[in-house]
Amino acid sequence: MHIRIRLQPKASADRIDAVERLPDGTWLIRAKVTAVPEKGKANEALIALLAKQWRIRKSGITIILGESDRNKTIEITDDLVAAVIADLGRRLAAAAIAQQA
């Protein structure tokens, strides 16, 4: 499973701001980390944030595109996809409810 990330380093907190499903069927996550974008620190913080959020091992997440860019593509190991999809679904449902309010 591939997921696109829009990462903002040097933020005030580590968090996922939004999750969107794009027309091509891929997912886009807007995330923020407090780490600086130097020597891979922001990438490490992103992987740690996603692993904690999805309760999966960090080794199951790989940045396959965008190592030095804000726009990244990550790959999730097949045996971990179910946990990720469940979280993304919950976030999309919450966003839809918030837009209706």
N, C-alpha and C. Protein backbone atom coordinates (compact mmCIF):
# COMPACT_ATOMS: atom_id res chain seq x y z
N MET A 1 0.85 -1.18 0.00
CA MET A 1 0.00 0.00 0.00
C MET A 1 0.89 1.24 0.00
N HIS A 2 0.59 2.17 -0.89
CA HIS A 2 1.33 3.43 -0.96
C HIS A 2 0.45 4.56 -0.45
N ILE A 3 1.06 5.45 0.32
CA ILE A 3 0.36 6.61 0.86
C ILE A 3 1.23 7.83 0.62
N ARG A 4 0.59 8.90 0.17
CA ARG A 4 1.32 10.14 -0.02
C ARG A 4 1.24 10.97 1.25
N ILE A 5 2.34 11.68 1.53
CA ILE A 5 2.44 12.50 2.73
C ILE A 5 2.84 13.91 2.31
N ARG A 6 2.22 14.88 2.93
CA ARG A 6 2.67 16.28 2.83
C ARG A 6 3.17 16.62 4.23
N LEU A 7 4.48 16.75 4.40
CA LEU A 7 5.09 16.91 5.72
C LEU A 7 5.52 18.34 5.98
N GLN A 8 5.19 18.82 7.17
CA GLN A 8 5.67 20.13 7.61
C GLN A 8 6.60 19.91 8.81
N PRO A 9 7.91 20.09 8.60
CA PRO A 9 8.84 19.98 9.72
C PRO A 9 8.84 21.26 10.56
N LYS A 10 9.51 21.23 11.69
CA LYS A 10 9.64 22.36 12.61
C LYS A 10 8.29 22.90 13.07
N ALA A 11 7.33 22.02 13.28
CA ALA A 11 6.00 22.43 13.75
C ALA A 11 6.01 22.49 15.28
N SER A 12 4.92 22.94 15.86
CA SER A 12 4.83 23.05 17.32
C SER A 12 4.54 21.71 17.98
N ALA A 13 4.05 20.74 17.21
CA ALA A 13 3.73 19.41 17.76
C ALA A 13 3.77 18.37 16.64
N ASP A 14 3.99 17.12 17.03
CA ASP A 14 3.90 16.01 16.08
C ASP A 14 2.44 15.60 15.97
N ARG A 15 1.88 15.68 14.77
CA ARG A 15 0.47 15.31 14.62
C ARG A 15 0.10 15.11 13.16
N ILE A 16 -1.00 14.40 12.97
CA ILE A 16 -1.61 14.26 11.65
C ILE A 16 -2.74 15.27 11.59
N ASP A 17 -2.65 16.19 10.64
CA ASP A 17 -3.65 17.25 10.52
C ASP A 17 -4.87 16.83 9.72
N ALA A 18 -4.64 16.09 8.64
CA ALA A 18 -5.76 15.73 7.76
C ALA A 18 -5.42 14.46 6.99
N VAL A 19 -6.47 13.78 6.59
CA VAL A 19 -6.35 12.61 5.72
C VAL A 19 -7.36 12.78 4.61
N GLU A 20 -6.91 12.59 3.37
CA GLU A 20 -7.79 12.72 2.22
C GLU A 20 -7.59 11.52 1.30
N ARG A 21 -8.66 11.11 0.65
CA ARG A 21 -8.53 10.10 -0.39
C ARG A 21 -8.58 10.83 -1.72
N LEU A 22 -7.55 10.67 -2.50
CA LEU A 22 -7.44 11.37 -3.78
C LEU A 22 -8.23 10.64 -4.86
N PRO A 23 -8.59 11.34 -5.94
CA PRO A 23 -9.38 10.71 -7.01
C PRO A 23 -8.75 9.45 -7.61
N ASP A 24 -7.42 9.35 -7.56
CA ASP A 24 -6.77 8.16 -8.12
C ASP A 24 -6.77 6.99 -7.14
N GLY A 25 -7.38 7.18 -5.96
CA GLY A 25 -7.49 6.10 -4.99
C GLY A 25 -6.38 6.06 -3.96
N THR A 26 -5.35 6.88 -4.14
CA THR A 26 -4.30 6.92 -3.14
C THR A 26 -4.72 7.81 -1.98
N TRP A 27 -4.02 7.66 -0.87
CA TRP A 27 -4.30 8.46 0.32
C TRP A 27 -3.29 9.58 0.43
N LEU A 28 -3.72 10.72 0.95
CA LEU A 28 -2.83 11.84 1.25
C LEU A 28 -2.99 12.17 2.72
N ILE A 29 -1.88 12.20 3.42
CA ILE A 29 -1.87 12.58 4.83
C ILE A 29 -1.11 13.88 4.96
N ARG A 30 -1.69 14.83 5.65
CA ARG A 30 -1.01 16.08 5.98
C ARG A 30 -0.52 15.93 7.42
N ALA A 31 0.80 15.91 7.58
CA ALA A 31 1.40 15.65 8.89
C ALA A 31 2.38 16.76 9.26
N LYS A 32 2.57 16.93 10.57
CA LYS A 32 3.52 17.90 11.10
C LYS A 32 4.40 17.19 12.12
N VAL A 33 5.68 17.55 12.12
CA VAL A 33 6.60 17.04 13.12
C VAL A 33 7.45 18.19 13.65
N THR A 34 7.91 18.07 14.88
CA THR A 34 8.72 19.11 15.49
C THR A 34 10.17 19.05 15.03
N ALA A 35 10.58 17.93 14.50
CA ALA A 35 11.97 17.74 14.07
C ALA A 35 12.33 18.66 12.91
N VAL A 36 13.62 18.97 12.83
CA VAL A 36 14.13 19.79 11.74
C VAL A 36 14.42 18.90 10.53
N PRO A 37 14.36 19.48 9.33
CA PRO A 37 14.61 18.68 8.13
C PRO A 37 16.10 18.57 7.81
N GLU A 38 16.86 18.05 8.77
CA GLU A 38 18.30 17.90 8.59
C GLU A 38 18.71 16.46 8.90
N LYS A 39 19.53 15.89 8.06
CA LYS A 39 20.09 14.55 8.28
C LYS A 39 19.02 13.50 8.54
N GLY A 40 17.86 13.65 7.91
CA GLY A 40 16.80 12.65 8.02
C GLY A 40 15.99 12.69 9.31
N LYS A 41 16.20 13.72 10.13
CA LYS A 41 15.50 13.79 11.43
C LYS A 41 13.99 13.92 11.25
N ALA A 42 13.55 14.73 10.31
CA ALA A 42 12.10 14.90 10.08
C ALA A 42 11.49 13.61 9.54
N ASN A 43 12.21 12.90 8.68
CA ASN A 43 11.72 11.62 8.16
C ASN A 43 11.59 10.59 9.28
N GLU A 44 12.58 10.53 10.15
CA GLU A 44 12.52 9.61 11.29
C GLU A 44 11.35 9.94 12.20
N ALA A 45 11.13 11.24 12.44
CA ALA A 45 10.01 11.66 13.28
C ALA A 45 8.68 11.30 12.63
N LEU A 46 8.59 11.46 11.31
CA LEU A 46 7.37 11.10 10.60
C LEU A 46 7.08 9.61 10.74
N ILE A 47 8.07 8.78 10.52
CA ILE A 47 7.87 7.34 10.63
C ILE A 47 7.48 6.96 12.06
N ALA A 48 8.11 7.58 13.05
CA ALA A 48 7.76 7.31 14.44
C ALA A 48 6.31 7.72 14.73
N LEU A 49 5.90 8.88 14.21
CA LEU A 49 4.53 9.36 14.41
C LEU A 49 3.52 8.41 13.79
N LEU A 50 3.76 8.00 12.55
CA LEU A 50 2.83 7.10 11.88
C LEU A 50 2.78 5.74 12.56
N ALA A 51 3.93 5.21 12.94
CA ALA A 51 3.96 3.91 13.61
C ALA A 51 3.20 3.95 14.93
N LYS A 52 3.37 5.02 15.68
CA LYS A 52 2.65 5.15 16.95
C LYS A 52 1.14 5.28 16.72
N GLN A 53 0.77 6.12 15.76
CA GLN A 53 -0.64 6.35 15.47
C GLN A 53 -1.34 5.07 15.03
N TRP A 54 -0.68 4.31 14.17
CA TRP A 54 -1.29 3.11 13.61
C TRP A 54 -0.99 1.85 14.41
N ARG A 55 -0.15 2.00 15.45
CA ARG A 55 0.24 0.87 16.31
C ARG A 55 0.86 -0.26 15.48
N ILE A 56 1.80 0.14 14.64
CA ILE A 56 2.54 -0.83 13.83
C ILE A 56 4.04 -0.59 14.04
N ARG A 57 4.84 -1.53 13.62
CA ARG A 57 6.28 -1.37 13.79
C ARG A 57 6.84 -0.37 12.78
N LYS A 58 7.84 0.38 13.23
CA LYS A 58 8.46 1.38 12.37
C LYS A 58 9.08 0.74 11.12
N SER A 59 9.58 -0.46 11.26
CA SER A 59 10.21 -1.13 10.13
C SER A 59 9.22 -1.49 9.02
N GLY A 60 7.92 -1.39 9.32
CA GLY A 60 6.89 -1.66 8.32
C GLY A 60 6.56 -0.46 7.45
N ILE A 61 7.23 0.67 7.71
CA ILE A 61 6.99 1.91 6.97
C ILE A 61 8.29 2.31 6.28
N THR A 62 8.23 2.52 4.97
CA THR A 62 9.41 2.91 4.20
C THR A 62 9.07 4.12 3.34
N ILE A 63 9.94 5.12 3.37
CA ILE A 63 9.78 6.25 2.45
C ILE A 63 10.39 5.84 1.12
N ILE A 64 9.56 5.76 0.09
CA ILE A 64 10.06 5.31 -1.21
C ILE A 64 10.29 6.45 -2.19
N LEU A 65 9.67 7.60 -1.94
CA LEU A 65 9.89 8.80 -2.75
C LEU A 65 9.88 10.02 -1.85
N GLY A 66 10.74 10.99 -2.14
CA GLY A 66 10.70 12.26 -1.42
C GLY A 66 11.52 12.32 -0.16
N GLU A 67 12.61 11.60 -0.09
CA GLU A 67 13.46 11.61 1.12
C GLU A 67 13.82 13.05 1.52
N SER A 68 14.06 13.92 0.55
CA SER A 68 14.48 15.29 0.86
C SER A 68 13.45 16.32 0.40
N ASP A 69 12.19 15.93 0.35
CA ASP A 69 11.11 16.79 -0.13
C ASP A 69 9.98 16.76 0.90
N ARG A 70 9.16 17.80 0.92
CA ARG A 70 7.98 17.80 1.80
C ARG A 70 6.94 16.78 1.33
N ASN A 71 6.89 16.56 0.03
CA ASN A 71 5.96 15.59 -0.54
C ASN A 71 6.65 14.24 -0.59
N LYS A 72 6.07 13.27 0.09
CA LYS A 72 6.68 11.95 0.21
C LYS A 72 5.68 10.88 -0.19
N THR A 73 6.18 9.74 -0.55
CA THR A 73 5.36 8.56 -0.73
C THR A 73 5.95 7.48 0.16
N ILE A 74 5.08 6.89 0.99
CA ILE A 74 5.53 5.82 1.86
C ILE A 74 4.89 4.51 1.43
N GLU A 75 5.54 3.44 1.78
CA GLU A 75 5.00 2.12 1.51
C GLU A 75 4.81 1.43 2.85
N ILE A 76 3.66 0.78 2.99
CA ILE A 76 3.32 0.03 4.20
C ILE A 76 3.42 -1.45 3.87
N THR A 77 4.09 -2.20 4.73
CA THR A 77 4.21 -3.64 4.55
C THR A 77 2.81 -4.26 4.52
N ASP A 78 2.61 -5.21 3.63
CA ASP A 78 1.30 -5.81 3.42
C ASP A 78 0.61 -6.31 4.69
N ASP A 79 1.36 -6.90 5.61
CA ASP A 79 0.71 -7.46 6.79
C ASP A 79 0.24 -6.38 7.77
N LEU A 80 0.56 -5.11 7.52
CA LEU A 80 0.17 -4.02 8.40
C LEU A 80 -0.92 -3.14 7.81
N VAL A 81 -1.32 -3.40 6.60
CA VAL A 81 -2.25 -2.53 5.88
C VAL A 81 -3.61 -2.41 6.59
N ALA A 82 -4.11 -3.47 7.16
CA ALA A 82 -5.44 -3.43 7.79
C ALA A 82 -5.51 -2.38 8.89
N ALA A 83 -4.49 -2.28 9.73
CA ALA A 83 -4.48 -1.30 10.81
C ALA A 83 -4.47 0.12 10.26
N VAL A 84 -3.72 0.33 9.20
CA VAL A 84 -3.63 1.65 8.59
C VAL A 84 -4.97 2.06 7.98
N ILE A 85 -5.58 1.17 7.24
CA ILE A 85 -6.86 1.47 6.60
C ILE A 85 -7.93 1.77 7.64
N ALA A 86 -7.94 1.04 8.73
CA ALA A 86 -8.93 1.29 9.79
C ALA A 86 -8.77 2.71 10.34
N ASP A 87 -7.54 3.14 10.59
CA ASP A 87 -7.31 4.48 11.12
C ASP A 87 -7.69 5.55 10.09
N LEU A 88 -7.30 5.35 8.85
CA LEU A 88 -7.64 6.33 7.81
C LEU A 88 -9.15 6.45 7.64
N GLY A 89 -9.85 5.33 7.71
CA GLY A 89 -11.30 5.34 7.60
C GLY A 89 -11.94 6.12 8.74
N ARG A 90 -11.46 5.93 9.96
CA ARG A 90 -11.98 6.68 11.11
C ARG A 90 -11.75 8.17 10.92
N ARG A 91 -10.58 8.54 10.45
CA ARG A 91 -10.27 9.96 10.26
C ARG A 91 -11.12 10.58 9.16
N LEU A 92 -11.35 9.85 8.08
CA LEU A 92 -12.20 10.37 7.01
C LEU A 92 -13.63 10.55 7.49
N ALA A 93 -14.13 9.59 8.25
CA ALA A 93 -15.50 9.70 8.77
C ALA A 93 -15.62 10.90 9.70
N ALA A 94 -14.64 11.12 10.55
CA ALA A 94 -14.66 12.27 11.46
C ALA A 94 -14.61 13.58 10.69
N ALA A 95 -13.81 13.62 9.63
CA ALA A 95 -13.72 14.83 8.81
C ALA A 95 -15.03 15.11 8.11
N ALA A 96 -15.70 14.08 7.62
CA ALA A 96 -16.99 14.26 6.94
C ALA A 96 -18.04 14.79 7.90
N ILE A 97 -18.04 14.29 9.12
CA ILE A 97 -19.01 14.76 10.13
C ILE A 97 -18.72 16.21 10.48
N ALA A 98 -17.44 16.56 10.61
CA ALA A 98 -17.06 17.94 10.96
C ALA A 98 -17.46 18.91 9.85
N GLN A 99 -17.37 18.49 8.59
CA GLN A 99 -17.75 19.37 7.48
C GLN A 99 -19.25 19.60 7.45
N GLN A 100 -20.03 18.63 7.91
CA GLN A 100 -21.49 18.78 7.91
C GLN A 100 -21.97 19.70 9.02
N ALA A 101 -21.17 19.83 10.07
CA ALA A 101 -21.58 20.65 11.22
C ALA A 101 -21.44 22.13 10.96
